Amino acid sequence: MRTHKIRLRVDEVKDFVAAATRCDFDIDISYNRFVVDAKSIVGVLGLDLNQILTVSYNGYDEEFEDYLNHFALAC
C-alpha cells in the first residue's frame, strides 16, 4: 500500500480527480476517519481541504506519482 500526505486547494481538486481517474486501480483519500474515493469530485470536495490529506492506493502509475509529488508534504 502506497500512501502520500498532501494538501489540496479547492481550485486543484478537479485536476487531482482527473489524474486519479486515469489510473486503473482504486485510490482513496482521507482525513481522520473520513475516507472517500479519490475519483469522486463530490467526495473530495466534501473533505476538509484545510487539513493534511492522505492518499492511499495499491498500484503504480508513474504519471500519478509525479503528479502527487507536486502536492507532497515533508513529513
C-alpha atoms as a PDB file:
ATOM      1  CA  MET A   1       0.000   0.000   0.000  1.00  0.00           C
ATOM      2  CA  ARG A   2       1.409   3.347  -1.022  1.00  0.00           C
ATOM      3  CA  THR A   3       0.494   6.476   0.934  1.00  0.00           C
ATOM      4  CA  HIS A   4       1.220  10.148   0.389  1.00  0.00           C
ATOM      5  CA  LYS A   5       0.446  13.126   2.602  1.00  0.00           C
ATOM      6  CA  ILE A   6      -0.788  16.045   0.504  1.00  0.00           C
ATOM      7  CA  ARG A   7      -2.558  19.356   0.770  1.00  0.00           C
ATOM      8  CA  LEU A   8      -5.075  20.437  -1.890  1.00  0.00           C
ATOM      9  CA  ARG A   9      -6.732  23.744  -2.643  1.00  0.00           C
ATOM     10  CA  VAL A  10     -10.294  23.879  -3.988  1.00  0.00           C
ATOM     11  CA  ASP A  11      -9.063  25.001  -7.418  1.00  0.00           C
ATOM     12  CA  GLU A  12      -6.782  21.922  -7.635  1.00  0.00           C
ATOM     13  CA  VAL A  13      -9.455  19.299  -6.895  1.00  0.00           C
ATOM     14  CA  LYS A  14     -10.688  18.965 -10.494  1.00  0.00           C
ATOM     15  CA  ASP A  15      -7.178  18.223 -11.815  1.00  0.00           C
ATOM     16  CA  PHE A  16      -6.442  15.854  -8.917  1.00  0.00           C
ATOM     17  CA  VAL A  17      -9.602  13.828  -9.581  1.00  0.00           C
ATOM     18  CA  ALA A  18      -8.812  13.731 -13.312  1.00  0.00           C
ATOM     19  CA  ALA A  19      -5.311  12.402 -12.579  1.00  0.00           C
ATOM     20  CA  ALA A  20      -6.716   9.756 -10.214  1.00  0.00           C
ATOM     21  CA  THR A  21      -9.336   8.717 -12.767  1.00  0.00           C
ATOM     22  CA  ARG A  22      -6.634   7.916 -15.330  1.00  0.00           C
ATOM     23  CA  CYS A  23      -5.289   5.179 -13.016  1.00  0.00           C
ATOM     24  CA  ASP A  24      -6.656   1.652 -13.344  1.00  0.00           C
ATOM     25  CA  PHE A  25      -6.548   0.936  -9.589  1.00  0.00           C
ATOM     26  CA  ASP A  26      -8.580   2.197  -6.625  1.00  0.00           C
ATOM     27  CA  ILE A  27      -7.366   5.333  -4.884  1.00  0.00           C
ATOM     28  CA  ASP A  28      -8.672   6.579  -1.537  1.00  0.00           C
ATOM     29  CA  ILE A  29      -8.174   9.982   0.008  1.00  0.00           C
ATOM     30  CA  SER A  30      -8.796  10.515   3.685  1.00  0.00           C
ATOM     31  CA  TYR A  31      -8.735  12.910   6.586  1.00  0.00           C
ATOM     32  CA  ASN A  32      -9.088  11.482  10.113  1.00  0.00           C
ATOM     33  CA  ARG A  33     -11.792   8.822   9.824  1.00  0.00           C
ATOM     34  CA  PHE A  34     -13.376  10.106   6.612  1.00  0.00           C
ATOM     35  CA  VAL A  35     -12.328   8.059   3.581  1.00  0.00           C
ATOM     36  CA  VAL A  36     -13.614   8.811   0.079  1.00  0.00           C
ATOM     37  CA  ASP A  37     -12.921   7.633  -3.440  1.00  0.00           C
ATOM     38  CA  ALA A  38     -10.283   9.937  -4.943  1.00  0.00           C
ATOM     39  CA  LYS A  39     -12.010   9.570  -8.316  1.00  0.00           C
ATOM     40  CA  SER A  40     -15.127  11.322  -6.960  1.00  0.00           C
ATOM     41  CA  ILE A  41     -15.049  15.102  -7.230  1.00  0.00           C
ATOM     42  CA  VAL A  42     -18.003  15.417  -4.829  1.00  0.00           C
ATOM     43  CA  GLY A  43     -16.288  13.119  -2.325  1.00  0.00           C
ATOM     44  CA  VAL A  44     -13.003  15.026  -2.426  1.00  0.00           C
ATOM     45  CA  LEU A  45     -14.761  18.386  -2.134  1.00  0.00           C
ATOM     46  CA  GLY A  46     -16.581  17.013   0.924  1.00  0.00           C
ATOM     47  CA  LEU A  47     -13.297  16.657   2.810  1.00  0.00           C
ATOM     48  CA  ASP A  48     -11.801  19.443   4.910  1.00  0.00           C
ATOM     49  CA  LEU A  49      -9.270  20.816   2.431  1.00  0.00           C
ATOM     50  CA  ASN A  50      -7.648  22.925   5.146  1.00  0.00           C
ATOM     51  CA  GLN A  51      -6.213  19.733   6.626  1.00  0.00           C
ATOM     52  CA  ILE A  52      -3.456  17.377   5.536  1.00  0.00           C
ATOM     53  CA  LEU A  53      -4.965  14.597   3.424  1.00  0.00           C
ATOM     54  CA  THR A  54      -3.697  11.043   2.997  1.00  0.00           C
ATOM     55  CA  VAL A  55      -3.799   9.416  -0.441  1.00  0.00           C
ATOM     56  CA  SER A  56      -3.682   5.592  -0.305  1.00  0.00           C
ATOM     57  CA  TYR A  57      -3.595   3.074  -3.149  1.00  0.00           C
ATOM     58  CA  ASN A  58      -2.321  -0.319  -4.256  1.00  0.00           C
ATOM     59  CA  GLY A  59      -0.790   0.094  -7.667  1.00  0.00           C
ATOM     60  CA  TYR A  60       1.741   2.134  -9.539  1.00  0.00           C
ATOM     61  CA  ASP A  61       1.406   4.761 -12.229  1.00  0.00           C
ATOM     62  CA  GLU A  62       4.460   6.909 -12.908  1.00  0.00           C
ATOM     63  CA  GLU A  63       2.433   9.907 -14.101  1.00  0.00           C
ATOM     64  CA  PHE A  64       0.256   9.820 -10.978  1.00  0.00           C
ATOM     65  CA  GLU A  65       3.338   9.541  -8.754  1.00  0.00           C
ATOM     66  CA  ASP A  66       4.851  12.598 -10.459  1.00  0.00           C
ATOM     67  CA  TYR A  67       1.558  14.459 -10.129  1.00  0.00           C
ATOM     68  CA  LEU A  68       1.344  13.687  -6.389  1.00  0.00           C
ATOM     69  CA  ASN A  69       4.860  14.989  -5.850  1.00  0.00           C
ATOM     70  CA  HIS A  70       3.560  18.499  -6.649  1.00  0.00           C
ATOM     71  CA  PHE A  71       1.308  18.329  -3.580  1.00  0.00           C
ATOM     72  CA  ALA A  72       3.529  16.279  -1.274  1.00  0.00           C
ATOM     73  CA  LEU A  73       4.340  17.486   2.209  1.00  0.00           C
ATOM     74  CA  ALA A  74       7.589  16.786   4.005  1.00  0.00           C
ATOM     75  CA  CYS A  75       6.783  14.533   6.946  1.00  0.00           C
END
